[in-house]
């Protein structure tokens, strides 16, 4: 994000959705894009009180502010899909193909697309 902030042309604001911090109605008039990143929480966690309001916010953006583009990464794309009525599911456990928790570095090779995680 530092590179994006430093370009000198666009203004970037940061909101903390899990603290119910969202753009104001006035800000929504001028925002071009919302980036919804990953989260330490799961979209399936029903004990988290901020996910449902975030979904309502996403629906409002899509319905009332068509000029705002939404980019989601990991949690962000799943919560957007769910907000719009889509289905997301947990990856089933498979002992031969264990889940990656955290970050995993991938080194592309000639046979990259034949590797188990692709």
C-alpha atoms as a PDB file:
ATOM      1  CA  UNK A   1       0.000   0.000   0.000  1.00  0.00           C
ATOM      2  CA  UNK A   2       2.934   2.289   0.592  1.00  0.00           C
ATOM      3  CA  UNK A   3       3.664   2.414  -3.131  1.00  0.00           C
ATOM      4  CA  UNK A   4       0.064   3.312  -3.872  1.00  0.00           C
ATOM      5  CA  UNK A   5      -0.002   6.080  -1.283  1.00  0.00           C
ATOM      6  CA  UNK A   6       3.233   7.585  -2.553  1.00  0.00           C
ATOM      7  CA  UNK A   7       2.135   8.040  -6.162  1.00  0.00           C
ATOM      8  CA  UNK A   8       1.003  11.590  -5.402  1.00  0.00           C
ATOM      9  CA  UNK A   9      -2.129  11.372  -7.546  1.00  0.00           C
ATOM     10  CA  UNK A  10      -4.675   9.480  -5.498  1.00  0.00           C
ATOM     11  CA  UNK A  11      -5.700   9.816  -1.880  1.00  0.00           C
ATOM     12  CA  UNK A  12      -5.907   6.581   0.106  1.00  0.00           C
ATOM     13  CA  UNK A  13      -7.851   6.192   3.330  1.00  0.00           C
ATOM     14  CA  UNK A  14      -7.800   3.198   5.603  1.00  0.00           C
ATOM     15  CA  UNK A  15     -10.800   1.934   7.554  1.00  0.00           C
ATOM     16  CA  UNK A  16     -10.804  -0.766  10.188  1.00  0.00           C
ATOM     17  CA  UNK A  17     -13.917  -2.803   9.424  1.00  0.00           C
ATOM     18  CA  UNK A  18     -13.593  -5.083  12.433  1.00  0.00           C
ATOM     19  CA  UNK A  19     -13.834  -1.948  14.583  1.00  0.00           C
ATOM     20  CA  UNK A  20     -16.970  -0.843  12.662  1.00  0.00           C
ATOM     21  CA  UNK A  21     -14.975   1.936  10.987  1.00  0.00           C
ATOM     22  CA  UNK A  22     -16.460   2.510   7.523  1.00  0.00           C
ATOM     23  CA  UNK A  23     -16.499   5.415   5.059  1.00  0.00           C
ATOM     24  CA  UNK A  24     -19.044   8.155   5.678  1.00  0.00           C
ATOM     25  CA  UNK A  25     -21.857   8.918   3.227  1.00  0.00           C
ATOM     26  CA  UNK A  26     -19.892  11.965   2.073  1.00  0.00           C
ATOM     27  CA  UNK A  27     -16.760   9.891   1.471  1.00  0.00           C
ATOM     28  CA  UNK A  28     -18.740   7.288  -0.481  1.00  0.00           C
ATOM     29  CA  UNK A  29     -19.557   9.941  -3.079  1.00  0.00           C
ATOM     30  CA  UNK A  30     -15.891  10.266  -4.068  1.00  0.00           C
ATOM     31  CA  UNK A  31     -14.395   6.841  -3.358  1.00  0.00           C
ATOM     32  CA  UNK A  32     -13.315   4.995  -6.515  1.00  0.00           C
ATOM     33  CA  UNK A  33     -12.454   1.614  -5.054  1.00  0.00           C
ATOM     34  CA  UNK A  34     -12.630  -0.416  -1.857  1.00  0.00           C
ATOM     35  CA  UNK A  35     -10.014  -3.049  -1.182  1.00  0.00           C
ATOM     36  CA  UNK A  36     -11.175  -5.729   1.228  1.00  0.00           C
ATOM     37  CA  UNK A  37      -8.084  -7.697   2.297  1.00  0.00           C
ATOM     38  CA  UNK A  38      -7.554 -10.916   4.163  1.00  0.00           C
ATOM     39  CA  UNK A  39      -8.385 -11.340   7.823  1.00  0.00           C
ATOM     40  CA  UNK A  40      -7.345 -13.412  10.769  1.00  0.00           C
ATOM     41  CA  UNK A  41     -11.028 -14.337  11.084  1.00  0.00           C
ATOM     42  CA  UNK A  42     -13.069 -16.710   8.994  1.00  0.00           C
ATOM     43  CA  UNK A  43     -16.180 -15.673   7.083  1.00  0.00           C
ATOM     44  CA  UNK A  44     -17.811 -18.712   8.689  1.00  0.00           C
ATOM     45  CA  UNK A  45     -17.259 -17.435  12.238  1.00  0.00           C
ATOM     46  CA  UNK A  46     -20.736 -16.647  13.557  1.00  0.00           C
ATOM     47  CA  UNK A  47     -19.378 -15.375  16.882  1.00  0.00           C
ATOM     48  CA  UNK A  48     -17.848 -12.275  15.294  1.00  0.00           C
ATOM     49  CA  UNK A  49     -20.174  -9.274  15.490  1.00  0.00           C
ATOM     50  CA  UNK A  50     -18.640  -7.183  12.705  1.00  0.00           C
ATOM     51  CA  UNK A  51     -19.012  -9.580   9.765  1.00  0.00           C
ATOM     52  CA  UNK A  52     -22.787  -9.184   9.291  1.00  0.00           C
ATOM     53  CA  UNK A  53     -22.604  -5.338   9.266  1.00  0.00           C
ATOM     54  CA  UNK A  54     -19.702  -5.561   6.801  1.00  0.00           C
ATOM     55  CA  UNK A  55     -21.827  -7.728   4.496  1.00  0.00           C
ATOM     56  CA  UNK A  56     -24.677  -5.192   4.729  1.00  0.00           C
ATOM     57  CA  UNK A  57     -22.210  -2.429   3.876  1.00  0.00           C
ATOM     58  CA  UNK A  58     -20.956  -4.355   0.836  1.00  0.00           C
ATOM     59  CA  UNK A  59     -24.505  -4.880  -0.437  1.00  0.00           C
ATOM     60  CA  UNK A  60     -25.206  -1.165   0.004  1.00  0.00           C
ATOM     61  CA  UNK A  61     -22.054  -0.269  -1.934  1.00  0.00           C
ATOM     62  CA  UNK A  62     -22.970  -2.580  -4.800  1.00  0.00           C
ATOM     63  CA  UNK A  63     -26.610  -1.427  -4.941  1.00  0.00           C
ATOM     64  CA  UNK A  64     -26.283   2.294  -4.184  1.00  0.00           C
ATOM     65  CA  UNK A  65     -22.755   3.230  -5.299  1.00  0.00           C
ATOM     66  CA  UNK A  66     -22.106   1.522  -8.637  1.00  0.00           C
ATOM     67  CA  UNK A  67     -19.125   3.809  -9.294  1.00  0.00           C
ATOM     68  CA  UNK A  68     -17.189   2.129  -6.462  1.00  0.00           C
ATOM     69  CA  UNK A  69     -15.225  -0.929  -7.539  1.00  0.00           C
ATOM     70  CA  UNK A  70     -14.618  -3.668  -4.961  1.00  0.00           C
ATOM     71  CA  UNK A  71     -11.445  -5.721  -4.865  1.00  0.00           C
ATOM     72  CA  UNK A  72     -11.324  -8.609  -2.412  1.00  0.00           C
ATOM     73  CA  UNK A  73      -8.455 -10.793  -1.396  1.00  0.00           C
ATOM     74  CA  UNK A  74      -9.030 -14.053   0.439  1.00  0.00           C
ATOM     75  CA  UNK A  75     -11.432 -13.038   3.252  1.00  0.00           C
ATOM     76  CA  UNK A  76     -12.471  -9.971   1.229  1.00  0.00           C
ATOM     77  CA  UNK A  77     -13.568 -11.963  -1.802  1.00  0.00           C
ATOM     78  CA  UNK A  78     -15.368 -14.547   0.333  1.00  0.00           C
ATOM     79  CA  UNK A  79     -17.282 -11.981   2.383  1.00  0.00           C
ATOM     80  CA  UNK A  80     -18.256 -10.133  -0.809  1.00  0.00           C
ATOM     81  CA  UNK A  81     -19.495 -13.355  -2.416  1.00  0.00           C
ATOM     82  CA  UNK A  82     -21.519 -14.232   0.682  1.00  0.00           C
ATOM     83  CA  UNK A  83     -22.939 -10.709   0.935  1.00  0.00           C
ATOM     84  CA  UNK A  84     -24.275 -11.043  -2.603  1.00  0.00           C
ATOM     85  CA  UNK A  85     -25.879 -14.418  -1.915  1.00  0.00           C
ATOM     86  CA  UNK A  86     -23.044 -16.568  -3.184  1.00  0.00           C
ATOM     87  CA  UNK A  87     -21.841 -19.738  -1.562  1.00  0.00           C
ATOM     88  CA  UNK A  88     -18.370 -20.171  -0.175  1.00  0.00           C
ATOM     89  CA  UNK A  89     -17.291 -23.375   1.520  1.00  0.00           C
ATOM     90  CA  UNK A  90     -14.420 -24.540   3.643  1.00  0.00           C
ATOM     91  CA  UNK A  91     -11.816 -26.635   1.909  1.00  0.00           C
ATOM     92  CA  UNK A  92     -12.329 -30.250   2.961  1.00  0.00           C
ATOM     93  CA  UNK A  93      -9.430 -31.858   4.769  1.00  0.00           C
ATOM     94  CA  UNK A  94      -7.404 -34.261   2.678  1.00  0.00           C
ATOM     95  CA  UNK A  95      -4.380 -35.941   4.285  1.00  0.00           C
ATOM     96  CA  UNK A  96      -2.643 -36.127   0.913  1.00  0.00           C
ATOM     97  CA  UNK A  97      -3.149 -32.419   0.335  1.00  0.00           C
ATOM     98  CA  UNK A  98      -2.905 -30.682   3.731  1.00  0.00           C
ATOM     99  CA  UNK A  99      -4.065 -27.108   4.170  1.00  0.00           C
ATOM    100  CA  UNK A 100      -1.565 -24.307   4.259  1.00  0.00           C
ATOM    101  CA  UNK A 101      -1.959 -22.217   7.396  1.00  0.00           C
ATOM    102  CA  UNK A 102      -0.221 -18.874   7.281  1.00  0.00           C
ATOM    103  CA  UNK A 103       2.087 -18.143   4.398  1.00  0.00           C
ATOM    104  CA  UNK A 104       3.746 -20.609   2.124  1.00  0.00           C
ATOM    105  CA  UNK A 105       6.437 -19.596  -0.344  1.00  0.00           C
ATOM    106  CA  UNK A 106       5.998 -21.096  -3.776  1.00  0.00           C
ATOM    107  CA  UNK A 107       8.859 -21.355  -6.245  1.00  0.00           C
ATOM    108  CA  UNK A 108       7.506 -21.615  -9.813  1.00  0.00           C
ATOM    109  CA  UNK A 109       9.350 -24.198 -11.875  1.00  0.00           C
ATOM    110  CA  UNK A 110       8.911 -25.779 -15.298  1.00  0.00           C
ATOM    111  CA  UNK A 111       6.476 -28.265 -13.806  1.00  0.00           C
ATOM    112  CA  UNK A 112       4.737 -25.673 -11.580  1.00  0.00           C
ATOM    113  CA  UNK A 113       1.221 -26.574 -12.706  1.00  0.00           C
ATOM    114  CA  UNK A 114       1.810 -30.242 -11.912  1.00  0.00           C
ATOM    115  CA  UNK A 115       2.563 -29.558  -8.240  1.00  0.00           C
ATOM    116  CA  UNK A 116       0.074 -30.651  -5.563  1.00  0.00           C
ATOM    117  CA  UNK A 117      -0.902 -27.147  -4.430  1.00  0.00           C
ATOM    118  CA  UNK A 118      -1.818 -25.799  -7.869  1.00  0.00           C
END
